[in-house]
mmCIF file of all heavy atoms, coordinates in Angstrom:
data_MODEL
# 
_entry.id   MODEL 
# 
loop_
_atom_site.group_PDB 
_atom_site.id 
_atom_site.type_symbol 
_atom_site.label_atom_id 
_atom_site.label_alt_id 
_atom_site.label_comp_id 
_atom_site.label_asym_id 
_atom_site.label_entity_id 
_atom_site.label_seq_id 
_atom_site.pdbx_PDB_ins_code 
_atom_site.Cartn_x 
_atom_site.Cartn_y 
_atom_site.Cartn_z 
_atom_site.occupancy 
_atom_site.B_iso_or_equiv 
_atom_site.pdbx_formal_charge 
_atom_site.auth_seq_id 
_atom_site.auth_comp_id 
_atom_site.auth_asym_id 
_atom_site.auth_atom_id 
_atom_site.pdbx_PDB_model_num 
ATOM 1   N N   . ASN A 1 1  ? 55.962 30.890 -39.699 1.00 0.00 ? 1  ASN A N   1 
ATOM 2   C CA  . ASN A 1 1  ? 56.144 29.446 -39.852 1.00 0.00 ? 1  ASN A CA  1 
ATOM 3   C C   . ASN A 1 1  ? 56.518 28.776 -38.531 1.00 0.00 ? 1  ASN A C   1 
ATOM 4   O O   . ASN A 1 1  ? 56.049 27.680 -38.232 1.00 0.00 ? 1  ASN A O   1 
ATOM 5   C CB  . ASN A 1 1  ? 57.200 29.158 -40.911 1.00 0.00 ? 1  ASN A CB  1 
ATOM 6   C CG  . ASN A 1 1  ? 56.730 29.537 -42.303 1.00 0.00 ? 1  ASN A CG  1 
ATOM 7   O OD1 . ASN A 1 1  ? 55.548 29.795 -42.526 1.00 0.00 ? 1  ASN A OD1 1 
ATOM 8   N ND2 . ASN A 1 1  ? 57.646 29.580 -43.232 1.00 0.00 ? 1  ASN A ND2 1 
ATOM 9   N N   . LEU A 1 2  ? 57.348 29.442 -37.746 1.00 0.00 ? 2  LEU A N   1 
ATOM 10  C CA  . LEU A 1 2  ? 57.719 28.884 -36.442 1.00 0.00 ? 2  LEU A CA  1 
ATOM 11  C C   . LEU A 1 2  ? 56.499 28.736 -35.542 1.00 0.00 ? 2  LEU A C   1 
ATOM 12  O O   . LEU A 1 2  ? 56.312 27.699 -34.891 1.00 0.00 ? 2  LEU A O   1 
ATOM 13  C CB  . LEU A 1 2  ? 58.764 29.765 -35.759 1.00 0.00 ? 2  LEU A CB  1 
ATOM 14  C CG  . LEU A 1 2  ? 60.185 29.676 -36.305 1.00 0.00 ? 2  LEU A CG  1 
ATOM 15  C CD1 . LEU A 1 2  ? 61.057 30.771 -35.696 1.00 0.00 ? 2  LEU A CD1 1 
ATOM 16  C CD2 . LEU A 1 2  ? 60.776 28.308 -36.014 1.00 0.00 ? 2  LEU A CD2 1 
ATOM 17  N N   . VAL A 1 3  ? 55.670 29.766 -35.500 1.00 0.00 ? 3  VAL A N   1 
ATOM 18  C CA  . VAL A 1 3  ? 54.468 29.699 -34.660 1.00 0.00 ? 3  VAL A CA  1 
ATOM 19  C C   . VAL A 1 3  ? 53.537 28.602 -35.153 1.00 0.00 ? 3  VAL A C   1 
ATOM 20  O O   . VAL A 1 3  ? 53.009 27.815 -34.352 1.00 0.00 ? 3  VAL A O   1 
ATOM 21  C CB  . VAL A 1 3  ? 53.754 31.070 -34.613 1.00 0.00 ? 3  VAL A CB  1 
ATOM 22  C CG1 . VAL A 1 3  ? 52.381 30.948 -33.985 1.00 0.00 ? 3  VAL A CG1 1 
ATOM 23  C CG2 . VAL A 1 3  ? 54.588 32.068 -33.849 1.00 0.00 ? 3  VAL A CG2 1 
ATOM 24  N N   . VAL A 1 4  ? 53.333 28.511 -36.466 1.00 0.00 ? 4  VAL A N   1 
ATOM 25  C CA  . VAL A 1 4  ? 52.442 27.482 -37.013 1.00 0.00 ? 4  VAL A CA  1 
ATOM 26  C C   . VAL A 1 4  ? 52.973 26.083 -36.693 1.00 0.00 ? 4  VAL A C   1 
ATOM 27  O O   . VAL A 1 4  ? 52.226 25.209 -36.238 1.00 0.00 ? 4  VAL A O   1 
ATOM 28  C CB  . VAL A 1 4  ? 52.257 27.679 -38.541 1.00 0.00 ? 4  VAL A CB  1 
ATOM 29  C CG1 . VAL A 1 4  ? 51.581 26.467 -39.171 1.00 0.00 ? 4  VAL A CG1 1 
ATOM 30  C CG2 . VAL A 1 4  ? 51.456 28.933 -38.820 1.00 0.00 ? 4  VAL A CG2 1 
ATOM 31  N N   . VAL A 1 5  ? 54.262 25.864 -36.895 1.00 0.00 ? 5  VAL A N   1 
ATOM 32  C CA  . VAL A 1 5  ? 54.840 24.543 -36.638 1.00 0.00 ? 5  VAL A CA  1 
ATOM 33  C C   . VAL A 1 5  ? 54.683 24.154 -35.176 1.00 0.00 ? 5  VAL A C   1 
ATOM 34  O O   . VAL A 1 5  ? 54.279 23.033 -34.852 1.00 0.00 ? 5  VAL A O   1 
ATOM 35  C CB  . VAL A 1 5  ? 56.326 24.500 -37.067 1.00 0.00 ? 5  VAL A CB  1 
ATOM 36  C CG1 . VAL A 1 5  ? 57.041 23.298 -36.480 1.00 0.00 ? 5  VAL A CG1 1 
ATOM 37  C CG2 . VAL A 1 5  ? 56.440 24.501 -38.576 1.00 0.00 ? 5  VAL A CG2 1 
ATOM 38  N N   . PHE A 1 6  ? 54.964 25.089 -34.270 1.00 0.00 ? 6  PHE A N   1 
ATOM 39  C CA  . PHE A 1 6  ? 54.888 24.728 -32.857 1.00 0.00 ? 6  PHE A CA  1 
ATOM 40  C C   . PHE A 1 6  ? 53.449 24.655 -32.354 1.00 0.00 ? 6  PHE A C   1 
ATOM 41  O O   . PHE A 1 6  ? 53.158 23.886 -31.435 1.00 0.00 ? 6  PHE A O   1 
ATOM 42  C CB  . PHE A 1 6  ? 55.772 25.645 -32.013 1.00 0.00 ? 6  PHE A CB  1 
ATOM 43  C CG  . PHE A 1 6  ? 57.204 25.208 -32.085 1.00 0.00 ? 6  PHE A CG  1 
ATOM 44  C CD1 . PHE A 1 6  ? 58.064 25.761 -33.018 1.00 0.00 ? 6  PHE A CD1 1 
ATOM 45  C CD2 . PHE A 1 6  ? 57.671 24.217 -31.259 1.00 0.00 ? 6  PHE A CD2 1 
ATOM 46  C CE1 . PHE A 1 6  ? 59.370 25.334 -33.109 1.00 0.00 ? 6  PHE A CE1 1 
ATOM 47  C CE2 . PHE A 1 6  ? 58.978 23.778 -31.336 1.00 0.00 ? 6  PHE A CE2 1 
ATOM 48  C CZ  . PHE A 1 6  ? 59.834 24.343 -32.269 1.00 0.00 ? 6  PHE A CZ  1 
ATOM 49  N N   . LEU A 1 7  ? 52.545 25.406 -32.944 1.00 0.00 ? 7  LEU A N   1 
ATOM 50  C CA  . LEU A 1 7  ? 51.129 25.214 -32.616 1.00 0.00 ? 7  LEU A CA  1 
ATOM 51  C C   . LEU A 1 7  ? 50.671 23.822 -33.050 1.00 0.00 ? 7  LEU A C   1 
ATOM 52  O O   . LEU A 1 7  ? 49.950 23.137 -32.323 1.00 0.00 ? 7  LEU A O   1 
ATOM 53  C CB  . LEU A 1 7  ? 50.269 26.286 -33.284 1.00 0.00 ? 7  LEU A CB  1 
ATOM 54  C CG  . LEU A 1 7  ? 50.179 27.617 -32.560 1.00 0.00 ? 7  LEU A CG  1 
ATOM 55  C CD1 . LEU A 1 7  ? 49.435 28.635 -33.405 1.00 0.00 ? 7  LEU A CD1 1 
ATOM 56  C CD2 . LEU A 1 7  ? 49.517 27.463 -31.209 1.00 0.00 ? 7  LEU A CD2 1 
ATOM 57  N N   . LEU A 1 8  ? 51.113 23.415 -34.226 1.00 0.00 ? 8  LEU A N   1 
ATOM 58  C CA  . LEU A 1 8  ? 50.774 22.068 -34.701 1.00 0.00 ? 8  LEU A CA  1 
ATOM 59  C C   . LEU A 1 8  ? 51.411 20.989 -33.818 1.00 0.00 ? 8  LEU A C   1 
ATOM 60  O O   . LEU A 1 8  ? 50.797 19.948 -33.574 1.00 0.00 ? 8  LEU A O   1 
ATOM 61  C CB  . LEU A 1 8  ? 51.196 21.889 -36.162 1.00 0.00 ? 8  LEU A CB  1 
ATOM 62  C CG  . LEU A 1 8  ? 50.386 22.697 -37.177 1.00 0.00 ? 8  LEU A CG  1 
ATOM 63  C CD1 . LEU A 1 8  ? 50.979 22.562 -38.574 1.00 0.00 ? 8  LEU A CD1 1 
ATOM 64  C CD2 . LEU A 1 8  ? 48.923 22.270 -37.162 1.00 0.00 ? 8  LEU A CD2 1 
ATOM 65  N N   . CYS A 1 9  ? 52.624 21.245 -33.342 1.00 0.00 ? 9  CYS A N   1 
ATOM 66  C CA  . CYS A 1 9  ? 53.252 20.297 -32.398 1.00 0.00 ? 9  CYS A CA  1 
ATOM 67  C C   . CYS A 1 9  ? 52.416 20.186 -31.129 1.00 0.00 ? 9  CYS A C   1 
ATOM 68  O O   . CYS A 1 9  ? 52.236 19.091 -30.588 1.00 0.00 ? 9  CYS A O   1 
ATOM 69  C CB  . CYS A 1 9  ? 54.670 20.749 -32.047 1.00 0.00 ? 9  CYS A CB  1 
ATOM 70  S SG  . CYS A 1 9  ? 55.867 20.502 -33.359 1.00 0.00 ? 9  CYS A SG  1 
ATOM 71  N N   . GLY A 1 10 ? 51.923 21.310 -30.640 1.00 0.00 ? 10 GLY A N   1 
ATOM 72  C CA  . GLY A 1 10 ? 51.063 21.288 -29.465 1.00 0.00 ? 10 GLY A CA  1 
ATOM 73  C C   . GLY A 1 10 ? 49.789 20.506 -29.723 1.00 0.00 ? 10 GLY A C   1 
ATOM 74  O O   . GLY A 1 10 ? 49.386 19.668 -28.916 1.00 0.00 ? 10 GLY A O   1 
ATOM 75  N N   . LEU A 1 11 ? 49.160 20.755 -30.853 1.00 0.00 ? 11 LEU A N   1 
ATOM 76  C CA  . LEU A 1 11 ? 47.932 20.031 -31.201 1.00 0.00 ? 11 LEU A CA  1 
ATOM 77  C C   . LEU A 1 11 ? 48.199 18.546 -31.416 1.00 0.00 ? 11 LEU A C   1 
ATOM 78  O O   . LEU A 1 11 ? 47.335 17.709 -31.148 1.00 0.00 ? 11 LEU A O   1 
ATOM 79  C CB  . LEU A 1 11 ? 47.288 20.638 -32.444 1.00 0.00 ? 11 LEU A CB  1 
ATOM 80  C CG  . LEU A 1 11 ? 46.582 21.964 -32.212 1.00 0.00 ? 11 LEU A CG  1 
ATOM 81  C CD1 . LEU A 1 11 ? 46.137 22.563 -33.544 1.00 0.00 ? 11 LEU A CD1 1 
ATOM 82  C CD2 . LEU A 1 11 ? 45.394 21.781 -31.282 1.00 0.00 ? 11 LEU A CD2 1 
ATOM 83  N N   . TRP A 1 12 ? 49.381 18.212 -31.893 1.00 0.00 ? 12 TRP A N   1 
ATOM 84  C CA  . TRP A 1 12 ? 49.722 16.811 -32.094 1.00 0.00 ? 12 TRP A CA  1 
ATOM 85  C C   . TRP A 1 12 ? 49.711 16.063 -30.762 1.00 0.00 ? 12 TRP A C   1 
ATOM 86  O O   . TRP A 1 12 ? 49.369 14.892 -30.703 1.00 0.00 ? 12 TRP A O   1 
ATOM 87  C CB  . TRP A 1 12 ? 51.098 16.702 -32.756 1.00 0.00 ? 12 TRP A CB  1 
ATOM 88  C CG  . TRP A 1 12 ? 51.517 15.298 -33.003 1.00 0.00 ? 12 TRP A CG  1 
ATOM 89  C CD1 . TRP A 1 12 ? 51.103 14.480 -34.004 1.00 0.00 ? 12 TRP A CD1 1 
ATOM 90  C CD2 . TRP A 1 12 ? 52.425 14.517 -32.221 1.00 0.00 ? 12 TRP A CD2 1 
ATOM 91  N NE1 . TRP A 1 12 ? 51.696 13.260 -33.906 1.00 0.00 ? 12 TRP A NE1 1 
ATOM 92  C CE2 . TRP A 1 12 ? 52.521 13.255 -32.812 1.00 0.00 ? 12 TRP A CE2 1 
ATOM 93  C CE3 . TRP A 1 12 ? 53.178 14.777 -31.082 1.00 0.00 ? 12 TRP A CE3 1 
ATOM 94  C CZ2 . TRP A 1 12 ? 53.325 12.251 -32.307 1.00 0.00 ? 12 TRP A CZ2 1 
ATOM 95  C CZ3 . TRP A 1 12 ? 53.984 13.777 -30.580 1.00 0.00 ? 12 TRP A CZ3 1 
ATOM 96  C CH2 . TRP A 1 12 ? 54.051 12.535 -31.190 1.00 0.00 ? 12 TRP A CH2 1 
ATOM 97  N N   . HIS A 1 13 ? 50.081 16.747 -29.680 1.00 0.00 ? 13 HIS A N   1 
ATOM 98  C CA  . HIS A 1 13 ? 50.090 16.101 -28.373 1.00 0.00 ? 13 HIS A CA  1 
ATOM 99  C C   . HIS A 1 13 ? 48.692 15.912 -27.806 1.00 0.00 ? 13 HIS A C   1 
ATOM 100 O O   . HIS A 1 13 ? 48.502 15.110 -26.910 1.00 0.00 ? 13 HIS A O   1 
ATOM 101 C CB  . HIS A 1 13 ? 50.954 16.903 -27.386 1.00 0.00 ? 13 HIS A CB  1 
ATOM 102 C CG  . HIS A 1 13 ? 52.407 16.680 -27.600 1.00 0.00 ? 13 HIS A CG  1 
ATOM 103 N ND1 . HIS A 1 13 ? 53.160 17.495 -28.418 1.00 0.00 ? 13 HIS A ND1 1 
ATOM 104 C CD2 . HIS A 1 13 ? 53.239 15.741 -27.129 1.00 0.00 ? 13 HIS A CD2 1 
ATOM 105 C CE1 . HIS A 1 13 ? 54.398 17.053 -28.424 1.00 0.00 ? 13 HIS A CE1 1 
ATOM 106 N NE2 . HIS A 1 13 ? 54.472 15.995 -27.655 1.00 0.00 ? 13 HIS A NE2 1 
ATOM 107 N N   . GLY A 1 14 ? 47.727 16.649 -28.301 1.00 0.00 ? 14 GLY A N   1 
ATOM 108 C CA  . GLY A 1 14 ? 46.365 16.443 -27.841 1.00 0.00 ? 14 GLY A CA  1 
ATOM 109 C C   . GLY A 1 14 ? 45.499 17.666 -28.039 1.00 0.00 ? 14 GLY A C   1 
ATOM 110 O O   . GLY A 1 14 ? 45.988 18.785 -28.154 1.00 0.00 ? 14 GLY A O   1 
ATOM 111 N N   . PRO A 1 15 ? 44.183 17.465 -28.084 1.00 0.00 ? 15 PRO A N   1 
ATOM 112 C CA  . PRO A 1 15 ? 43.253 18.570 -28.288 1.00 0.00 ? 15 PRO A CA  1 
ATOM 113 C C   . PRO A 1 15 ? 42.912 19.276 -26.983 1.00 0.00 ? 15 PRO A C   1 
ATOM 114 O O   . PRO A 1 15 ? 41.790 19.205 -26.497 1.00 0.00 ? 15 PRO A O   1 
ATOM 115 C CB  . PRO A 1 15 ? 42.029 17.876 -28.892 1.00 0.00 ? 15 PRO A CB  1 
ATOM 116 C CG  . PRO A 1 15 ? 42.053 16.522 -28.270 1.00 0.00 ? 15 PRO A CG  1 
ATOM 117 C CD  . PRO A 1 15 ? 43.503 16.183 -28.084 1.00 0.00 ? 15 PRO A CD  1 
ATOM 118 N N   . SER A 1 16 ? 43.890 19.925 -26.398 1.00 0.00 ? 16 SER A N   1 
ATOM 119 C CA  . SER A 1 16 ? 43.683 20.617 -25.136 1.00 0.00 ? 16 SER A CA  1 
ATOM 120 C C   . SER A 1 16 ? 44.414 21.950 -25.195 1.00 0.00 ? 16 SER A C   1 
ATOM 121 O O   . SER A 1 16 ? 45.462 22.073 -25.835 1.00 0.00 ? 16 SER A O   1 
ATOM 122 C CB  . SER A 1 16 ? 44.229 19.750 -23.994 1.00 0.00 ? 16 SER A CB  1 
ATOM 123 O OG  . SER A 1 16 ? 44.150 20.432 -22.775 1.00 0.00 ? 16 SER A OG  1 
ATOM 124 N N   . TRP A 1 17 ? 43.873 22.935 -24.478 1.00 0.00 ? 17 TRP A N   1 
ATOM 125 C CA  . TRP A 1 17 ? 44.477 24.266 -24.518 1.00 0.00 ? 17 TRP A CA  1 
ATOM 126 C C   . TRP A 1 17 ? 45.885 24.289 -23.934 1.00 0.00 ? 17 TRP A C   1 
ATOM 127 O O   . TRP A 1 17 ? 46.720 25.079 -24.354 1.00 0.00 ? 17 TRP A O   1 
ATOM 128 C CB  . TRP A 1 17 ? 43.590 25.278 -23.792 1.00 0.00 ? 17 TRP A CB  1 
ATOM 129 C CG  . TRP A 1 17 ? 42.426 25.701 -24.634 1.00 0.00 ? 17 TRP A CG  1 
ATOM 130 C CD1 . TRP A 1 17 ? 41.118 25.385 -24.435 1.00 0.00 ? 17 TRP A CD1 1 
ATOM 131 C CD2 . TRP A 1 17 ? 42.475 26.489 -25.816 1.00 0.00 ? 17 TRP A CD2 1 
ATOM 132 N NE1 . TRP A 1 17 ? 40.346 25.918 -25.421 1.00 0.00 ? 17 TRP A NE1 1 
ATOM 133 C CE2 . TRP A 1 17 ? 41.157 26.621 -26.293 1.00 0.00 ? 17 TRP A CE2 1 
ATOM 134 C CE3 . TRP A 1 17 ? 43.492 27.099 -26.537 1.00 0.00 ? 17 TRP A CE3 1 
ATOM 135 C CZ2 . TRP A 1 17 ? 40.839 27.321 -27.440 1.00 0.00 ? 17 TRP A CZ2 1 
ATOM 136 C CZ3 . TRP A 1 17 ? 43.172 27.808 -27.687 1.00 0.00 ? 17 TRP A CZ3 1 
ATOM 137 C CH2 . TRP A 1 17 ? 41.860 27.916 -28.117 1.00 0.00 ? 17 TRP A CH2 1 
ATOM 138 N N   . ASN A 1 18 ? 46.151 23.421 -22.957 1.00 0.00 ? 18 ASN A N   1 
ATOM 139 C CA  . ASN A 1 18 ? 47.500 23.433 -22.391 1.00 0.00 ? 18 ASN A CA  1 
ATOM 140 C C   . ASN A 1 18 ? 48.543 23.029 -23.430 1.00 0.00 ? 18 ASN A C   1 
ATOM 141 O O   . ASN A 1 18 ? 49.649 23.570 -23.450 1.00 0.00 ? 18 ASN A O   1 
ATOM 142 C CB  . ASN A 1 18 ? 47.598 22.575 -21.126 1.00 0.00 ? 18 ASN A CB  1 
ATOM 143 C CG  . ASN A 1 18 ? 47.152 21.162 -21.314 1.00 0.00 ? 18 ASN A CG  1 
ATOM 144 O OD1 . ASN A 1 18 ? 46.241 20.873 -22.080 1.00 0.00 ? 18 ASN A OD1 1 
ATOM 145 N ND2 . ASN A 1 18 ? 47.786 20.253 -20.600 1.00 0.00 ? 18 ASN A ND2 1 
ATOM 146 N N   . PHE A 1 19 ? 48.196 22.120 -24.341 1.00 0.00 ? 19 PHE A N   1 
ATOM 147 C CA  . PHE A 1 19 ? 49.138 21.739 -25.391 1.00 0.00 ? 19 PHE A CA  1 
ATOM 148 C C   . PHE A 1 19 ? 49.301 22.855 -26.423 1.00 0.00 ? 19 PHE A C   1 
ATOM 149 O O   . PHE A 1 19 ? 50.396 23.085 -26.944 1.00 0.00 ? 19 PHE A O   1 
ATOM 150 C CB  . PHE A 1 19 ? 48.701 20.445 -26.068 1.00 0.00 ? 19 PHE A CB  1 
ATOM 151 C CG  . PHE A 1 19 ? 48.666 19.271 -25.135 1.00 0.00 ? 19 PHE A CG  1 
ATOM 152 C CD1 . PHE A 1 19 ? 47.517 18.518 -24.993 1.00 0.00 ? 19 PHE A CD1 1 
ATOM 153 C CD2 . PHE A 1 19 ? 49.777 18.919 -24.380 1.00 0.00 ? 19 PHE A CD2 1 
ATOM 154 C CE1 . PHE A 1 19 ? 47.477 17.439 -24.135 1.00 0.00 ? 19 PHE A CE1 1 
ATOM 155 C CE2 . PHE A 1 19 ? 49.750 17.841 -23.512 1.00 0.00 ? 19 PHE A CE2 1 
ATOM 156 C CZ  . PHE A 1 19 ? 48.594 17.105 -23.388 1.00 0.00 ? 19 PHE A CZ  1 
ATOM 157 N N   . VAL A 1 20 ? 48.214 23.541 -26.721 1.00 0.00 ? 20 VAL A N   1 
ATOM 158 C CA  . VAL A 1 20 ? 48.281 24.666 -27.665 1.00 0.00 ? 20 VAL A CA  1 
ATOM 159 C C   . VAL A 1 20 ? 49.163 25.773 -27.087 1.00 0.00 ? 20 VAL A C   1 
ATOM 160 O O   . VAL A 1 20 ? 50.038 26.306 -27.785 1.00 0.00 ? 20 VAL A O   1 
ATOM 161 C CB  . VAL A 1 20 ? 46.861 25.194 -27.991 1.00 0.00 ? 20 VAL A CB  1 
ATOM 162 C CG1 . VAL A 1 20 ? 46.924 26.474 -28.795 1.00 0.00 ? 20 VAL A CG1 1 
ATOM 163 C CG2 . VAL A 1 20 ? 46.059 24.130 -28.732 1.00 0.00 ? 20 VAL A CG2 1 
ATOM 164 N N   . VAL A 1 21 ? 48.966 26.105 -25.820 1.00 0.00 ? 21 VAL A N   1 
ATOM 165 C CA  . VAL A 1 21 ? 49.777 27.150 -25.183 1.00 0.00 ? 21 VAL A CA  1 
ATOM 166 C C   . VAL A 1 21 ? 51.231 26.708 -25.094 1.00 0.00 ? 21 VAL A C   1 
ATOM 167 O O   . VAL A 1 21 ? 52.147 27.499 -25.326 1.00 0.00 ? 21 VAL A O   1 
ATOM 168 C CB  . VAL A 1 21 ? 49.209 27.511 -23.789 1.00 0.00 ? 21 VAL A CB  1 
ATOM 169 C CG1 . VAL A 1 21 ? 50.159 28.388 -23.001 1.00 0.00 ? 21 VAL A CG1 1 
ATOM 170 C CG2 . VAL A 1 21 ? 47.858 28.192 -23.950 1.00 0.00 ? 21 VAL A CG2 1 
ATOM 171 N N   . TRP A 1 22 ? 51.458 25.428 -24.797 1.00 0.00 ? 22 TRP A N   1 
ATOM 172 C CA  . TRP A 1 22 ? 52.824 24.896 -24.756 1.00 0.00 ? 22 TRP A CA  1 
ATOM 173 C C   . TRP A 1 22 ? 53.511 25.087 -26.116 1.00 0.00 ? 22 TRP A C   1 
ATOM 174 O O   . TRP A 1 22 ? 54.644 25.562 -26.185 1.00 0.00 ? 22 TRP A O   1 
ATOM 175 C CB  . TRP A 1 22 ? 52.772 23.420 -24.361 1.00 0.00 ? 22 TRP A CB  1 
ATOM 176 C CG  . TRP A 1 22 ? 54.079 22.706 -24.441 1.00 0.00 ? 22 TRP A CG  1 
ATOM 177 C CD1 . TRP A 1 22 ? 55.060 22.710 -23.504 1.00 0.00 ? 22 TRP A CD1 1 
ATOM 178 C CD2 . TRP A 1 22 ? 54.532 21.887 -25.510 1.00 0.00 ? 22 TRP A CD2 1 
ATOM 179 N NE1 . TRP A 1 22 ? 56.104 21.929 -23.937 1.00 0.00 ? 22 TRP A NE1 1 
ATOM 180 C CE2 . TRP A 1 22 ? 55.804 21.420 -25.164 1.00 0.00 ? 22 TRP A CE2 1 
ATOM 181 C CE3 . TRP A 1 22 ? 53.987 21.501 -26.732 1.00 0.00 ? 22 TRP A CE3 1 
ATOM 182 C CZ2 . TRP A 1 22 ? 56.545 20.582 -25.982 1.00 0.00 ? 22 TRP A CZ2 1 
ATOM 183 C CZ3 . TRP A 1 22 ? 54.717 20.664 -27.553 1.00 0.00 ? 22 TRP A CZ3 1 
ATOM 184 C CH2 . TRP A 1 22 ? 55.983 20.222 -27.176 1.00 0.00 ? 22 TRP A CH2 1 
ATOM 185 N N   . GLY A 1 23 ? 52.833 24.736 -27.194 1.00 0.00 ? 23 GLY A N   1 
ATOM 186 C CA  . GLY A 1 23 ? 53.402 24.917 -28.529 1.00 0.00 ? 23 GLY A CA  1 
ATOM 187 C C   . GLY A 1 23 ? 53.613 26.384 -28.863 1.00 0.00 ? 23 GLY A C   1 
ATOM 188 O O   . GLY A 1 23 ? 54.646 26.765 -29.424 1.00 0.00 ? 23 GLY A O   1 
ATOM 189 N N   . LEU A 1 24 ? 52.650 27.217 -28.507 1.00 0.00 ? 24 LEU A N   1 
ATOM 190 C CA  . LEU A 1 24 ? 52.756 28.655 -28.762 1.00 0.00 ? 24 LEU A CA  1 
ATOM 191 C C   . LEU A 1 24 ? 53.944 29.259 -28.009 1.00 0.00 ? 24 LEU A C   1 
ATOM 192 O O   . LEU A 1 24 ? 54.694 30.072 -28.569 1.00 0.00 ? 24 LEU A O   1 
ATOM 193 C CB  . LEU A 1 24 ? 51.456 29.356 -28.363 1.00 0.00 ? 24 LEU A CB  1 
ATOM 194 C CG  . LEU A 1 24 ? 51.370 30.846 -28.635 1.00 0.00 ? 24 LEU A CG  1 
ATOM 195 C CD1 . LEU A 1 24 ? 51.462 31.116 -30.130 1.00 0.00 ? 24 LEU A CD1 1 
ATOM 196 C CD2 . LEU A 1 24 ? 50.074 31.407 -28.078 1.00 0.00 ? 24 LEU A CD2 1 
# 
């Protein structure tokens, strides 16, 4: 759940890999 929530937080900031990695 923690990983999913923070991946979604990253995606919320924008559709870019840097945001996904930041959330991860």
